[in-house]
Each structure stands twice: as C-alpha cells, then as structure tokens.
Amino acid sequence: MNILLADDHILFRESLAMFLEVTFPDSSITSAESWSGVCDYTDSHFYDLLLLDLFMADVGSDCWSSSLSRVVSSQKGAICIISASSNRAHIQDAFNIGVNGYICKTSTLQQMRKALRQISKGETYLPEQMWQKSSHAENNKKPAKLTWRQREILELLVAGDSNKVIAQKLGLAESTVKRHLYNTYRLLGAKNRVDVIGIAQRQHLVSN
C-alpha cells in the first residue's frame, strides 16, 4: 500500500508514520509538510491512502479547500483528513469536497487504528459528533442533514441518472460521486441505491 502522509508538525508526522508502519506493515510511506508538497506529489503519483492535515503553514485557514479539491480530483485512493479541528463546518466542508474520512487528533490510538482500517477498505469514517447528530435525527424522525452537494447528487439519483451521468452533469469525477453517495448512504442509514431513493422520498429530501 502506498500512503501519502502530510502534516506540518514534524513530531506528529514522524510519530504517525511509525504508527502506520505497525498498522500497515507492507506499506510505503511518503511524507509532506505542506499543501504545496502534497499537490506536487499527487500531480505525479497515485496513492492508495492519503492522510492529510487541514491547516498547514503554507496555506491560510480559509484556503485549504481549494488544495483539497485539487487532490480529490487527481486521486482515486482513499482520502482522510487528520486534524486538530473538530469544527462541524470544517468536517462538513471536507466531506462535501469528497473525502472518505475525518479523524480528529483528539482520538485515541484505538479509534485511529479502527478508522484507518475502515477507510483503507474503501469505507467512510465519520467523527463521533457527526454520528451522534445523525442518530439523534433518525430517532426523532427528522430529515437527515445532508450537504448541498449530497442533495444535488441525490436529486439526480432519484431522477434515475447513473453515477457516470451524474458526474458528467455536475462536472465531477465519477469516483467523487461515489464517495458522496457512500457518505449519503451512511447518513441516511441506507443499504443500497433502492433503499436510499425510498428514504429520500419518504423524508422529502428531494423535489421529485
């Protein structure tokens, strides 16, 4: 497994690299300390797993999204944010762009190991605070809080468009559409395409 690890704090980066070597013994790890370094690597190489900090020294706190979008559009591997920020807006924005997971740096090693193994298998990992809100909404039969991109894709899905057609209509990579749909499935508790359409219609999440 080829892994790209990016964080501008050398102690954390090197500690996480050692943790990854134990968790994924056969992996090859490339390290970066800035978003510019990440983009240089991802413009010319493909990775199976990308672990990226949000706020690195070379990019302002409000400018990381454009760099992340660039990475998402060029990579087919699983992308996970590992950040000190547990801000719901940051988490929502990252998933809206198309990441597979978001791990807060306050997580325990056990939580991180579980999350990384889940993400490396192509699954989605949502922080606990996101799950708590989703579970609360479901228990009280309230509509799920989807991002605007998830709703946009869901509208087209309910209309009968394939992932390929949705990607063409929205100017996205098909892999990005799949990531958004997988996140939507998890948020709505859907098991498959038919299930998510039924939930969307029952909860009036779409206009169709």
C-alpha atoms as a PDB file:
ATOM      1  CA  MET A   1       0.000   0.000   0.000  1.00  0.00           C
ATOM      2  CA  ASN A   2       1.312   3.430  -0.979  1.00  0.00           C
ATOM      3  CA  ILE A   3       0.492   6.074   1.636  1.00  0.00           C
ATOM      4  CA  LEU A   4       0.921   9.845   1.496  1.00  0.00           C
ATOM      5  CA  LEU A   5       1.117  11.468   4.928  1.00  0.00           C
ATOM      6  CA  ALA A   6       1.052  15.263   5.278  1.00  0.00           C
ATOM      7  CA  ASP A   7       1.368  17.345   8.435  1.00  0.00           C
ATOM      8  CA  ASP A   8       3.490  20.415   9.157  1.00  0.00           C
ATOM      9  CA  HIS A   9       4.329  19.328  12.715  1.00  0.00           C
ATOM     10  CA  ILE A  10       7.345  17.049  12.408  1.00  0.00           C
ATOM     11  CA  LEU A  11       6.883  15.276  15.755  1.00  0.00           C
ATOM     12  CA  PHE A  12       3.285  14.331  14.974  1.00  0.00           C
ATOM     13  CA  ARG A  13       4.152  13.396  11.375  1.00  0.00           C
ATOM     14  CA  GLU A  14       7.007  11.101  12.344  1.00  0.00           C
ATOM     15  CA  SER A  15       5.019   9.546  15.209  1.00  0.00           C
ATOM     16  CA  LEU A  16       2.090   8.858  12.918  1.00  0.00           C
ATOM     17  CA  ALA A  17       4.453   7.374  10.315  1.00  0.00           C
ATOM     18  CA  MET A  18       5.705   4.887  12.917  1.00  0.00           C
ATOM     19  CA  PHE A  19       2.109   4.082  13.875  1.00  0.00           C
ATOM     20  CA  LEU A  20       1.275   3.454  10.207  1.00  0.00           C
ATOM     21  CA  GLU A  21       4.264   1.125   9.788  1.00  0.00           C
ATOM     22  CA  VAL A  22       2.835  -1.039  12.581  1.00  0.00           C
ATOM     23  CA  THR A  23      -0.777  -0.817  11.372  1.00  0.00           C
ATOM     24  CA  PHE A  24       0.093  -1.439   7.706  1.00  0.00           C
ATOM     25  CA  PRO A  25       3.385  -3.420   7.761  1.00  0.00           C
ATOM     26  CA  ASP A  26       3.734  -3.700   3.975  1.00  0.00           C
ATOM     27  CA  SER A  27       3.102  -0.028   3.279  1.00  0.00           C
ATOM     28  CA  SER A  28       5.366   2.519   1.619  1.00  0.00           C
ATOM     29  CA  ILE A  29       5.023   5.941   3.249  1.00  0.00           C
ATOM     30  CA  THR A  30       5.748   9.281   1.597  1.00  0.00           C
ATOM     31  CA  SER A  31       5.753  12.370   3.824  1.00  0.00           C
ATOM     32  CA  ALA A  32       4.945  16.003   3.056  1.00  0.00           C
ATOM     33  CA  GLU A  33       4.917  19.065   5.310  1.00  0.00           C
ATOM     34  CA  SER A  34       2.803  21.451   3.233  1.00  0.00           C
ATOM     35  CA  TRP A  35      -0.140  21.603   0.841  1.00  0.00           C
ATOM     36  CA  SER A  36       2.225  22.598  -1.965  1.00  0.00           C
ATOM     37  CA  GLY A  37       4.229  19.449  -1.272  1.00  0.00           C
ATOM     38  CA  VAL A  38       1.037  17.380  -1.282  1.00  0.00           C
ATOM     39  CA  CYS A  39      -0.024  18.798  -4.637  1.00  0.00           C
ATOM     40  CA  ASP A  40       3.448  18.187  -6.113  1.00  0.00           C
ATOM     41  CA  TYR A  41       3.251  14.523  -5.106  1.00  0.00           C
ATOM     42  CA  THR A  42      -0.365  13.963  -6.152  1.00  0.00           C
ATOM     43  CA  ASP A  43       0.124  15.655  -9.518  1.00  0.00           C
ATOM     44  CA  SER A  44       2.649  12.971 -10.472  1.00  0.00           C
ATOM     45  CA  HIS A  45       1.891   9.913  -8.302  1.00  0.00           C
ATOM     46  CA  PHE A  46      -1.120   7.869  -7.220  1.00  0.00           C
ATOM     47  CA  TYR A  47      -1.647   6.711  -3.642  1.00  0.00           C
ATOM     48  CA  ASP A  48      -3.854   4.074  -2.062  1.00  0.00           C
ATOM     49  CA  LEU A  49      -4.326   6.113   1.102  1.00  0.00           C
ATOM     50  CA  LEU A  50      -3.815   9.831   1.711  1.00  0.00           C
ATOM     51  CA  LEU A  51      -3.740  11.217   5.259  1.00  0.00           C
ATOM     52  CA  LEU A  52      -3.796  14.998   5.236  1.00  0.00           C
ATOM     53  CA  ASP A  53      -3.834  17.756   7.819  1.00  0.00           C
ATOM     54  CA  LEU A  54      -6.129  20.680   7.016  1.00  0.00           C
ATOM     55  CA  PHE A  55      -4.173  23.630   8.334  1.00  0.00           C
ATOM     56  CA  MET A  56      -0.576  23.563   7.167  1.00  0.00           C
ATOM     57  CA  ALA A  57       1.759  26.544   7.296  1.00  0.00           C
ATOM     58  CA  ASP A  58       1.800  27.387   3.589  1.00  0.00           C
ATOM     59  CA  VAL A  59      -1.997  27.744   3.246  1.00  0.00           C
ATOM     60  CA  GLY A  60      -4.276  30.100   5.153  1.00  0.00           C
ATOM     61  CA  SER A  61      -7.013  28.719   7.387  1.00  0.00           C
ATOM     62  CA  ASP A  62      -9.662  29.623   4.799  1.00  0.00           C
ATOM     63  CA  CYS A  63      -7.780  28.405   1.723  1.00  0.00           C
ATOM     64  CA  TRP A  64      -7.269  24.680   2.330  1.00  0.00           C
ATOM     65  CA  SER A  65     -10.429  23.714   0.437  1.00  0.00           C
ATOM     66  CA  SER A  66      -9.011  24.579  -3.000  1.00  0.00           C
ATOM     67  CA  SER A  67      -5.910  22.478  -2.351  1.00  0.00           C
ATOM     68  CA  LEU A  68      -8.018  19.581  -1.096  1.00  0.00           C
ATOM     69  CA  SER A  69     -10.284  19.806  -4.148  1.00  0.00           C
ATOM     70  CA  ARG A  70      -7.228  19.594  -6.378  1.00  0.00           C
ATOM     71  CA  VAL A  71      -6.071  16.442  -4.583  1.00  0.00           C
ATOM     72  CA  VAL A  72      -9.513  14.804  -4.668  1.00  0.00           C
ATOM     73  CA  SER A  73      -9.824  15.401  -8.409  1.00  0.00           C
ATOM     74  CA  SER A  74      -6.457  13.767  -9.150  1.00  0.00           C
ATOM     75  CA  GLN A  75      -6.573  10.745  -6.823  1.00  0.00           C
ATOM     76  CA  LYS A  76      -8.642   7.554  -6.776  1.00  0.00           C
ATOM     77  CA  GLY A  77      -7.356   6.283  -3.417  1.00  0.00           C
ATOM     78  CA  ALA A  78      -8.994   6.815  -0.041  1.00  0.00           C
ATOM     79  CA  ILE A  79      -8.523  10.337   1.344  1.00  0.00           C
ATOM     80  CA  CYS A  80      -8.720  11.074   5.058  1.00  0.00           C
ATOM     81  CA  ILE A  81      -8.300  14.312   6.965  1.00  0.00           C
ATOM     82  CA  ILE A  82      -6.449  14.137  10.289  1.00  0.00           C
ATOM     83  CA  SER A  83      -6.906  17.477  12.017  1.00  0.00           C
ATOM     84  CA  ALA A  84      -6.909  19.193  15.389  1.00  0.00           C
ATOM     85  CA  SER A  85     -10.149  20.881  14.343  1.00  0.00           C
ATOM     86  CA  SER A  86     -13.414  19.283  15.435  1.00  0.00           C
ATOM     87  CA  ASN A  87     -15.393  22.173  13.960  1.00  0.00           C
ATOM     88  CA  ARG A  88     -18.549  20.788  12.324  1.00  0.00           C
ATOM     89  CA  ALA A  89     -18.244  23.227   9.429  1.00  0.00           C
ATOM     90  CA  HIS A  90     -14.720  22.025   8.631  1.00  0.00           C
ATOM     91  CA  ILE A  91     -15.836  18.388   8.793  1.00  0.00           C
ATOM     92  CA  GLN A  92     -18.876  19.055   6.609  1.00  0.00           C
ATOM     93  CA  ASP A  93     -16.822  21.020   4.070  1.00  0.00           C
ATOM     94  CA  ALA A  94     -14.241  18.235   3.816  1.00  0.00           C
ATOM     95  CA  PHE A  95     -16.916  15.614   3.137  1.00  0.00           C
ATOM     96  CA  ASN A  96     -18.603  17.962   0.711  1.00  0.00           C
ATOM     97  CA  ILE A  97     -15.367  18.111  -1.299  1.00  0.00           C
ATOM     98  CA  GLY A  98     -15.225  14.313  -1.327  1.00  0.00           C
ATOM     99  CA  VAL A  99     -13.008  12.842   1.394  1.00  0.00           C
ATOM    100  CA  ASN A 100     -13.587   9.326   2.744  1.00  0.00           C
ATOM    101  CA  GLY A 101     -12.939  10.111   6.387  1.00  0.00           C
ATOM    102  CA  TYR A 102     -12.136  12.707   9.022  1.00  0.00           C
ATOM    103  CA  ILE A 103     -10.176  11.854  12.179  1.00  0.00           C
ATOM    104  CA  CYS A 104      -9.768  14.364  14.990  1.00  0.00           C
ATOM    105  CA  LYS A 105      -6.348  14.479  16.638  1.00  0.00           C
ATOM    106  CA  THR A 106      -8.066  14.062  19.989  1.00  0.00           C
ATOM    107  CA  SER A 107      -8.867  10.448  19.010  1.00  0.00           C
ATOM    108  CA  THR A 108      -7.291   7.559  20.897  1.00  0.00           C
ATOM    109  CA  LEU A 109      -4.856   5.218  19.137  1.00  0.00           C
ATOM    110  CA  GLN A 110      -7.537   2.535  19.163  1.00  0.00           C
ATOM    111  CA  GLN A 111     -10.042   4.856  17.498  1.00  0.00           C
ATOM    112  CA  MET A 112      -7.464   5.938  14.925  1.00  0.00           C
ATOM    113  CA  ARG A 113      -6.482   2.351  14.119  1.00  0.00           C
ATOM    114  CA  LYS A 114     -10.135   1.391  13.623  1.00  0.00           C
ATOM    115  CA  ALA A 115     -10.777   4.441  11.458  1.00  0.00           C
ATOM    116  CA  LEU A 116      -7.719   3.911   9.248  1.00  0.00           C
ATOM    117  CA  ARG A 117      -8.510   0.254   8.643  1.00  0.00           C
ATOM    118  CA  GLN A 118     -12.086   1.177   7.787  1.00  0.00           C
ATOM    119  CA  ILE A 119     -11.015   3.925   5.390  1.00  0.00           C
ATOM    120  CA  SER A 120      -8.307   1.783   3.758  1.00  0.00           C
ATOM    121  CA  LYS A 121     -11.037  -0.715   2.787  1.00  0.00           C
ATOM    122  CA  GLY A 122     -12.886   1.995   0.895  1.00  0.00           C
ATOM    123  CA  GLU A 123     -15.424   2.670   3.647  1.00  0.00           C
ATOM    124  CA  THR A 124     -16.301   6.024   5.168  1.00  0.00           C
ATOM    125  CA  TYR A 125     -15.393   7.138   8.680  1.00  0.00           C
ATOM    126  CA  LEU A 126     -17.351   9.957  10.295  1.00  0.00           C
ATOM    127  CA  PRO A 127     -16.308  11.560  13.606  1.00  0.00           C
ATOM    128  CA  GLU A 128     -18.408  10.625  16.613  1.00  0.00           C
ATOM    129  CA  GLN A 129     -20.099  14.017  16.799  1.00  0.00           C
ATOM    130  CA  MET A 130     -21.412  13.561  13.250  1.00  0.00           C
ATOM    131  CA  TRP A 131     -22.832  10.126  14.074  1.00  0.00           C
ATOM    132  CA  GLN A 132     -24.447  11.427  17.249  1.00  0.00           C
ATOM    133  CA  LYS A 133     -26.344  14.065  15.368  1.00  0.00           C
ATOM    134  CA  SER A 134     -27.346  11.596  12.626  1.00  0.00           C
ATOM    135  CA  SER A 135     -28.587   9.069  15.199  1.00  0.00           C
ATOM    136  CA  HIS A 136     -30.484  11.743  17.101  1.00  0.00           C
ATOM    137  CA  ALA A 137     -32.165  12.924  13.914  1.00  0.00           C
ATOM    138  CA  GLU A 138     -33.139   9.402  12.911  1.00  0.00           C
ATOM    139  CA  ASN A 139     -34.510   8.553  16.350  1.00  0.00           C
ATOM    140  CA  ASN A 140     -36.694  11.639  16.258  1.00  0.00           C
ATOM    141  CA  LYS A 141     -37.706  11.058  12.623  1.00  0.00           C
ATOM    142  CA  LYS A 142     -36.199  14.335  11.458  1.00  0.00           C
ATOM    143  CA  PRO A 143     -34.750  14.744   7.944  1.00  0.00           C
ATOM    144  CA  ALA A 144     -31.021  13.992   7.683  1.00  0.00           C
ATOM    145  CA  LYS A 145     -28.664  16.963   7.457  1.00  0.00           C
ATOM    146  CA  LEU A 146     -27.143  16.470   4.022  1.00  0.00           C
ATOM    147  CA  THR A 147     -24.681  18.848   2.393  1.00  0.00           C
ATOM    148  CA  TRP A 148     -25.789  20.808  -0.647  1.00  0.00           C
ATOM    149  CA  ARG A 149     -23.634  18.576  -2.885  1.00  0.00           C
ATOM    150  CA  GLN A 150     -25.126  15.399  -1.409  1.00  0.00           C
ATOM    151  CA  ARG A 151     -28.630  16.747  -2.031  1.00  0.00           C
ATOM    152  CA  GLU A 152     -27.716  17.749  -5.578  1.00  0.00           C
ATOM    153  CA  ILE A 153     -26.441  14.250  -6.348  1.00  0.00           C
ATOM    154  CA  LEU A 154     -29.401  12.649  -4.576  1.00  0.00           C
ATOM    155  CA  GLU A 155     -31.819  14.638  -6.745  1.00  0.00           C
ATOM    156  CA  LEU A 156     -30.205  13.248  -9.896  1.00  0.00           C
ATOM    157  CA  LEU A 157     -30.042   9.738  -8.448  1.00  0.00           C
ATOM    158  CA  VAL A 158     -33.773   9.742  -7.663  1.00  0.00           C
ATOM    159  CA  ALA A 159     -34.397  11.036 -11.177  1.00  0.00           C
ATOM    160  CA  GLY A 160     -32.783   7.847 -12.475  1.00  0.00           C
ATOM    161  CA  ASP A 161     -29.342   9.071 -13.552  1.00  0.00           C
ATOM    162  CA  SER A 162     -26.357   6.724 -13.314  1.00  0.00           C
ATOM    163  CA  ASN A 163     -23.183   7.697 -11.433  1.00  0.00           C
ATOM    164  CA  LYS A 164     -21.492   8.371 -14.772  1.00  0.00           C
ATOM    165  CA  VAL A 165     -24.276  10.675 -15.950  1.00  0.00           C
ATOM    166  CA  ILE A 166     -24.366  12.497 -12.610  1.00  0.00           C
ATOM    167  CA  ALA A 167     -20.617  13.057 -12.817  1.00  0.00           C
ATOM    168  CA  GLN A 168     -20.946  14.476 -16.347  1.00  0.00           C
ATOM    169  CA  LYS A 169     -23.809  16.794 -15.402  1.00  0.00           C
ATOM    170  CA  LEU A 170     -22.021  18.178 -12.345  1.00  0.00           C
ATOM    171  CA  GLY A 171     -18.505  18.255 -13.781  1.00  0.00           C
ATOM    172  CA  LEU A 172     -17.164  15.811 -11.189  1.00  0.00           C
ATOM    173  CA  ALA A 173     -15.078  12.662 -11.323  1.00  0.00           C
ATOM    174  CA  GLU A 174     -17.209   9.522 -11.087  1.00  0.00           C
ATOM    175  CA  SER A 175     -15.152   8.434  -8.061  1.00  0.00           C
ATOM    176  CA  THR A 176     -16.132  11.679  -6.308  1.00  0.00           C
ATOM    177  CA  VAL A 177     -19.819  10.996  -6.978  1.00  0.00           C
ATOM    178  CA  LYS A 178     -19.399   7.526  -5.473  1.00  0.00           C
ATOM    179  CA  ARG A 179     -17.784   8.992  -2.360  1.00  0.00           C
ATOM    180  CA  HIS A 180     -20.639  11.442  -1.878  1.00  0.00           C
ATOM    181  CA  LEU A 181     -23.210   8.687  -2.362  1.00  0.00           C
ATOM    182  CA  TYR A 182     -21.472   6.415   0.125  1.00  0.00           C
ATOM    183  CA  ASN A 183     -21.458   9.223   2.702  1.00  0.00           C
ATOM    184  CA  THR A 184     -25.161   9.824   1.963  1.00  0.00           C
ATOM    185  CA  TYR A 185     -25.956   6.128   2.449  1.00  0.00           C
ATOM    186  CA  ARG A 186     -24.274   6.197   5.855  1.00  0.00           C
ATOM    187  CA  LEU A 187     -26.013   9.393   6.967  1.00  0.00           C
ATOM    188  CA  LEU A 188     -29.448   8.107   5.911  1.00  0.00           C
ATOM    189  CA  GLY A 189     -28.881   4.537   7.102  1.00  0.00           C
ATOM    190  CA  ALA A 190     -29.470   3.214   3.576  1.00  0.00           C
ATOM    191  CA  LYS A 191     -28.205  -0.201   2.495  1.00  0.00           C
ATOM    192  CA  ASN A 192     -28.268   0.297  -1.283  1.00  0.00           C
ATOM    193  CA  ARG A 193     -29.369   2.515  -4.159  1.00  0.00           C
ATOM    194  CA  VAL A 194     -33.033   1.498  -3.985  1.00  0.00           C
ATOM    195  CA  ASP A 195     -33.093   1.989  -0.216  1.00  0.00           C
ATOM    196  CA  VAL A 196     -31.636   5.500  -0.374  1.00  0.00           C
ATOM    197  CA  ILE A 197     -34.189   6.537  -3.012  1.00  0.00           C
ATOM    198  CA  GLY A 198     -37.035   5.349  -0.792  1.00  0.00           C
ATOM    199  CA  ILE A 199     -35.656   7.200   2.242  1.00  0.00           C
ATOM    200  CA  ALA A 200     -35.140  10.378   0.207  1.00  0.00           C
ATOM    201  CA  GLN A 201     -38.730  10.317  -0.960  1.00  0.00           C
ATOM    202  CA  ARG A 202     -40.216   9.484   2.455  1.00  0.00           C
ATOM    203  CA  GLN A 203     -38.249  12.258   4.163  1.00  0.00           C
ATOM    204  CA  HIS A 204     -38.938  14.703   1.316  1.00  0.00           C
ATOM    205  CA  LEU A 205     -35.226  15.266   0.754  1.00  0.00           C
ATOM    206  CA  VAL A 206     -35.757  15.731  -2.985  1.00  0.00           C
ATOM    207  CA  SER A 207     -38.331  17.534  -5.100  1.00  0.00           C
ATOM    208  CA  ASN A 208     -39.065  14.552  -7.417  1.00  0.00           C
END
